[in-house]
Amino acid sequence: MYRFKLIFFFIFFTSVHPLHGMEQSVIFTVDMNKLLKFSNFGISIAKRNNLARQNLQNENDALEAELLLEEKALSELRNTLNTDEFRTKAIEFDLKVSAIRVEQATKEEILVSKIRKEEAEFYTQVYPLLYELVSDRGGLVLIDQRNVILWDSSVDITDDAILLINQVIKKSE
């Protein structure tokens, strides 16, 4: 609640001009998620990450199928092996399954970390463009729409920001 009061106080006292009518605003909003989702740069990041996720899922599916076959073969051996031999093979299988789970979980953590890093890099490269866009319009404050309760659509620069990102950051398309 304190945060919202602070934001309201900041907006109220930093707004030299009202947000309605033909007058210019010093406060603008942007949908940061939309920048990532709809800019060419963000789309290329999402495609790479989705492909990496799909590759990991395919690997997990193949390992699962392989382990199911191995488990079935082990179950069939239960009738032909003595108890000690079967127990040894069952323990080996369980250890193998546990090791694979740990390995795949580690790969998932690495992938999630990589995705977060790429998204952070996206925002790092986009911030100067947002600053330029806001400055060109005489703005002093840019607020992510997730932190705003109400706003006039005339202060939303999201679509213009996407166009600017697409023009400036072409290397990642």
Protein backbone atom coordinates (compact mmCIF):
# COMPACT_ATOMS: atom_id res chain seq x y z
CA MET A 1 0.00 0.00 0.00
CA TYR A 2 2.87 2.33 0.85
CA ARG A 3 4.31 1.73 -2.61
CA PHE A 4 1.10 2.83 -4.31
CA LYS A 5 0.89 5.94 -2.14
CA LEU A 6 4.49 6.74 -3.01
CA ILE A 7 3.82 6.24 -6.73
CA PHE A 8 0.68 8.38 -6.53
CA PHE A 9 2.55 11.09 -4.63
CA PHE A 10 5.39 11.01 -7.17
CA ILE A 11 3.03 11.16 -10.14
CA PHE A 12 0.90 13.89 -8.60
CA PHE A 13 3.79 16.18 -7.73
CA THR A 14 5.97 15.55 -10.78
CA SER A 15 3.18 16.10 -13.27
CA VAL A 16 3.59 19.62 -14.46
CA HIS A 17 0.90 19.09 -17.09
CA PRO A 18 -2.39 17.23 -16.77
CA LEU A 19 -2.68 13.86 -18.54
CA HIS A 20 -5.86 14.68 -20.43
CA GLY A 21 -6.75 16.82 -23.40
CA MET A 22 -4.23 18.16 -25.88
CA GLU A 23 -1.66 19.04 -23.23
CA GLN A 24 1.63 17.17 -23.12
CA SER A 25 2.39 14.65 -20.41
CA VAL A 26 5.68 14.19 -18.60
CA ILE A 27 4.68 10.69 -17.53
CA PHE A 28 4.40 7.81 -19.98
CA THR A 29 3.56 4.13 -19.66
CA VAL A 30 4.86 1.09 -21.46
CA ASP A 31 3.90 -2.58 -21.44
CA MET A 32 7.29 -4.24 -20.94
CA ASN A 33 5.89 -7.73 -21.54
CA LYS A 34 4.42 -6.60 -24.85
CA LEU A 35 7.83 -5.22 -25.91
CA LEU A 36 9.37 -8.64 -25.35
CA LYS A 37 6.47 -10.51 -26.92
CA PHE A 38 5.92 -8.42 -30.06
CA SER A 39 9.22 -6.81 -31.03
CA ASN A 40 11.31 -8.68 -33.59
CA PHE A 41 14.16 -8.88 -31.10
CA GLY A 42 11.88 -10.34 -28.42
CA ILE A 43 10.27 -12.74 -30.88
CA SER A 44 13.70 -14.08 -31.88
CA ILE A 45 14.58 -14.62 -28.21
CA ALA A 46 11.28 -16.43 -27.64
CA LYS A 47 11.80 -18.64 -30.71
CA ARG A 48 15.31 -19.66 -29.60
CA ASN A 49 14.12 -20.34 -26.08
CA ASN A 50 11.07 -22.29 -27.22
CA LEU A 51 13.30 -24.40 -29.46
CA ALA A 52 15.68 -25.06 -26.55
CA ARG A 53 12.72 -26.00 -24.33
CA GLN A 54 11.35 -28.31 -27.00
CA ASN A 55 14.75 -29.96 -27.50
CA LEU A 56 15.02 -30.59 -23.76
CA GLN A 57 11.48 -31.97 -23.70
CA ASN A 58 12.28 -34.28 -26.63
CA GLU A 59 15.37 -35.47 -24.79
CA ASN A 60 13.30 -36.10 -21.65
CA ASP A 61 10.69 -38.01 -23.66
CA ALA A 62 13.37 -40.18 -25.30
CA LEU A 63 14.97 -40.92 -21.94
CA GLU A 64 11.60 -41.79 -20.44
CA ALA A 65 10.82 -44.18 -23.28
CA GLU A 66 14.24 -45.80 -22.92
CA LEU A 67 13.80 -46.18 -19.16
CA LEU A 68 10.32 -47.65 -19.55
CA LEU A 69 11.71 -50.30 -21.89
CA GLU A 70 14.52 -51.03 -19.48
CA GLU A 71 12.06 -51.24 -16.58
CA LYS A 72 9.88 -53.65 -18.54
CA ALA A 73 12.89 -55.84 -19.36
CA LEU A 74 13.90 -55.78 -15.70
CA SER A 75 10.38 -56.81 -14.66
CA GLU A 76 10.56 -59.75 -17.06
CA LEU A 77 13.87 -60.82 -15.51
CA ARG A 78 12.25 -61.01 -12.07
CA ASN A 79 10.99 -64.53 -12.81
CA THR A 80 14.32 -65.81 -14.15
CA LEU A 81 16.79 -64.29 -11.66
CA ASN A 82 17.26 -65.18 -8.04
CA THR A 83 16.28 -62.55 -5.48
CA ASP A 84 19.80 -61.20 -4.89
CA GLU A 85 20.58 -60.84 -8.60
CA PHE A 86 17.27 -59.12 -9.25
CA ARG A 87 17.72 -56.79 -6.25
CA THR A 88 21.18 -55.80 -7.53
CA LYS A 89 19.83 -55.02 -11.00
CA ALA A 90 16.85 -53.13 -9.52
CA ILE A 91 19.16 -51.00 -7.36
CA GLU A 92 21.36 -50.26 -10.39
CA PHE A 93 18.28 -49.25 -12.36
CA ASP A 94 17.05 -46.98 -9.55
CA LEU A 95 20.46 -45.34 -9.32
CA LYS A 96 20.48 -44.79 -13.08
CA VAL A 97 16.99 -43.25 -12.97
CA SER A 98 18.00 -40.97 -10.08
CA ALA A 99 21.15 -39.84 -11.89
CA ILE A 100 19.18 -39.08 -15.05
CA ARG A 101 16.60 -37.09 -13.06
CA VAL A 102 19.33 -35.00 -11.43
CA GLU A 103 21.05 -34.45 -14.79
CA GLN A 104 17.82 -33.41 -16.53
CA ALA A 105 16.82 -31.14 -13.63
CA THR A 106 20.22 -29.46 -13.87
CA LYS A 107 19.72 -28.96 -17.60
CA GLU A 108 16.30 -27.41 -16.88
CA GLU A 109 17.80 -25.03 -14.30
CA ILE A 110 20.54 -24.01 -16.74
CA LEU A 111 17.95 -23.39 -19.45
CA VAL A 112 15.75 -21.29 -17.17
CA SER A 113 18.80 -19.30 -16.09
CA LYS A 114 19.79 -18.75 -19.72
CA ILE A 115 16.27 -17.59 -20.61
CA ARG A 116 16.22 -15.12 -17.71
CA LYS A 117 19.64 -13.83 -18.72
CA GLU A 118 18.53 -13.31 -22.34
CA GLU A 119 15.39 -11.49 -21.23
CA ALA A 120 17.45 -9.27 -18.91
CA GLU A 121 19.81 -8.55 -21.82
CA PHE A 122 16.78 -7.65 -23.96
CA TYR A 123 15.67 -5.08 -21.41
CA THR A 124 19.23 -3.77 -21.01
CA GLN A 125 19.38 -3.10 -24.75
CA VAL A 126 15.87 -1.65 -24.86
CA TYR A 127 16.16 0.80 -21.94
CA PRO A 128 18.25 3.37 -23.86
CA LEU A 129 15.69 3.29 -26.67
CA LEU A 130 12.86 3.84 -24.19
CA TYR A 131 14.78 6.72 -22.64
CA GLU A 132 15.25 8.26 -26.09
CA LEU A 133 11.57 7.85 -26.90
CA VAL A 134 10.41 9.40 -23.64
CA SER A 135 12.96 12.22 -23.86
CA ASP A 136 11.93 13.05 -27.42
CA ARG A 137 8.38 13.51 -26.16
CA GLY A 138 9.44 15.70 -23.27
CA GLY A 139 8.76 13.00 -20.73
CA LEU A 140 10.36 12.71 -17.34
CA VAL A 141 8.94 9.42 -16.08
CA LEU A 142 8.26 6.05 -17.72
CA ILE A 143 6.24 3.52 -15.76
CA ASP A 144 5.64 -0.13 -16.58
CA GLN A 145 1.89 -0.61 -16.96
CA ARG A 146 1.98 -3.48 -14.45
CA ASN A 147 2.59 -0.82 -11.78
CA VAL A 148 -0.16 1.55 -12.87
CA ILE A 149 -3.80 1.28 -11.91
CA LEU A 150 -5.28 3.82 -14.32
CA TRP A 151 -3.84 5.71 -17.26
CA ASP A 152 -4.92 7.56 -20.34
CA SER A 153 -4.03 5.61 -23.48
CA SER A 154 -2.43 8.75 -24.93
CA VAL A 155 0.56 8.23 -22.59
CA ASP A 156 1.12 4.62 -23.68
CA ILE A 157 4.25 4.45 -25.85
CA THR A 158 4.38 0.65 -26.18
CA ASP A 159 3.58 0.45 -29.90
CA ASP A 160 6.00 3.25 -30.76
CA ALA A 161 8.66 1.55 -28.66
CA ILE A 162 8.16 -1.71 -30.56
CA LEU A 163 8.59 0.13 -33.86
CA LEU A 164 11.78 1.78 -32.58
CA ILE A 165 13.17 -1.52 -31.29
CA ASN A 166 12.46 -3.15 -34.66
CA GLN A 167 14.26 -0.31 -36.47
CA VAL A 168 17.30 -0.11 -34.22
CA ILE A 169 17.92 -3.69 -33.09
CA LYS A 170 18.03 -5.65 -36.34
CA LYS A 171 20.93 -7.97 -35.50
CA SER A 172 18.72 -10.38 -33.56
CA GLU A 173 16.02 -10.93 -36.15
